[in-house]
Amino acid sequence: MKSIGVIGGMSWESTIVYYRLLNQYTKRQLGGHHSAKILMSSVNFAEIEAFQRSGDWDSSARILADEAKKLEAAGADFIVIATNTMHKVANQVQEAISIPLLHIADATALALKENNIQHVGLLGTRFTMSQPFYKERLEQHGITVSVPPEWHQDVVHEIIYQELCQGEIKAHSRQQYLAVIDELQQNGAQAVILGCTEIGLLVQQNHTDVPLYDTTDLHAFAAVKFALEEK
């Protein structure tokens, strides 16, 4: 079993979900008392969030690259960044280490292709929805990506940062998300990606008939699959 290096803390609420899922999927595969071999670095999200707001992605990249190098030195066999938005700097992190980085959009695209989803809606932070780094990664897999209009992006973004990252789950916010999901489906999306690791705390499949792809779950599943492959 390979050791999984996790860069977490962005936010810690969703990192908890990663830890649980990595262990649950490992036990599901191996049974008994098996659990995942995990090395984790949890950063201070206040520092990262400030760099996000100011557009200083290079400073964020340096922080995450440093954490990745620490995890590699500690014995991690590969790295996962436990957040969608910070995959904007995934290339810089990968360049800083000699072990693989398992990209969250690749794990998501694999699941979409397995289910023959060719057109998908994307929810996430404003950075993930409006910038090309995530959409283009999916499009490289032959998947068409739609995002909400700007004013809906603002709503989705603010709920993530002002509520979900603070551990607040509100029914009214769930209804706002479900309205956006319905609109994406009406505009041709066959399914919707929950492209922020906190969104799954608010919206689950039982809340809508639109197929949902929770990137936290898919990333954790892919990490365990990779960890259990032969070295």
Foldseek 3Di string as FASTA:
>chain_A
DFEEEEEAPLPVVLVVVLQVLLQVLQCVVVNDPDGHRYDYDHDHNVVVVVCVVVVVLVVVLVVLLVSLVVSVVVGGQEYEYRWQLNCVNVVSSCVSDDHYYDHLLVLLLVVCVVVPFAEEEEADALNCQPDCSNQVVSVVSNHHYDYFPPVLNVLSNCCVVVAQSVVHADPVSLVSVVVRQVVSVVVPGQAYEDRTSRVCVHDDCVVDVRHYHYSSNSSSNVSSVVRPDDD
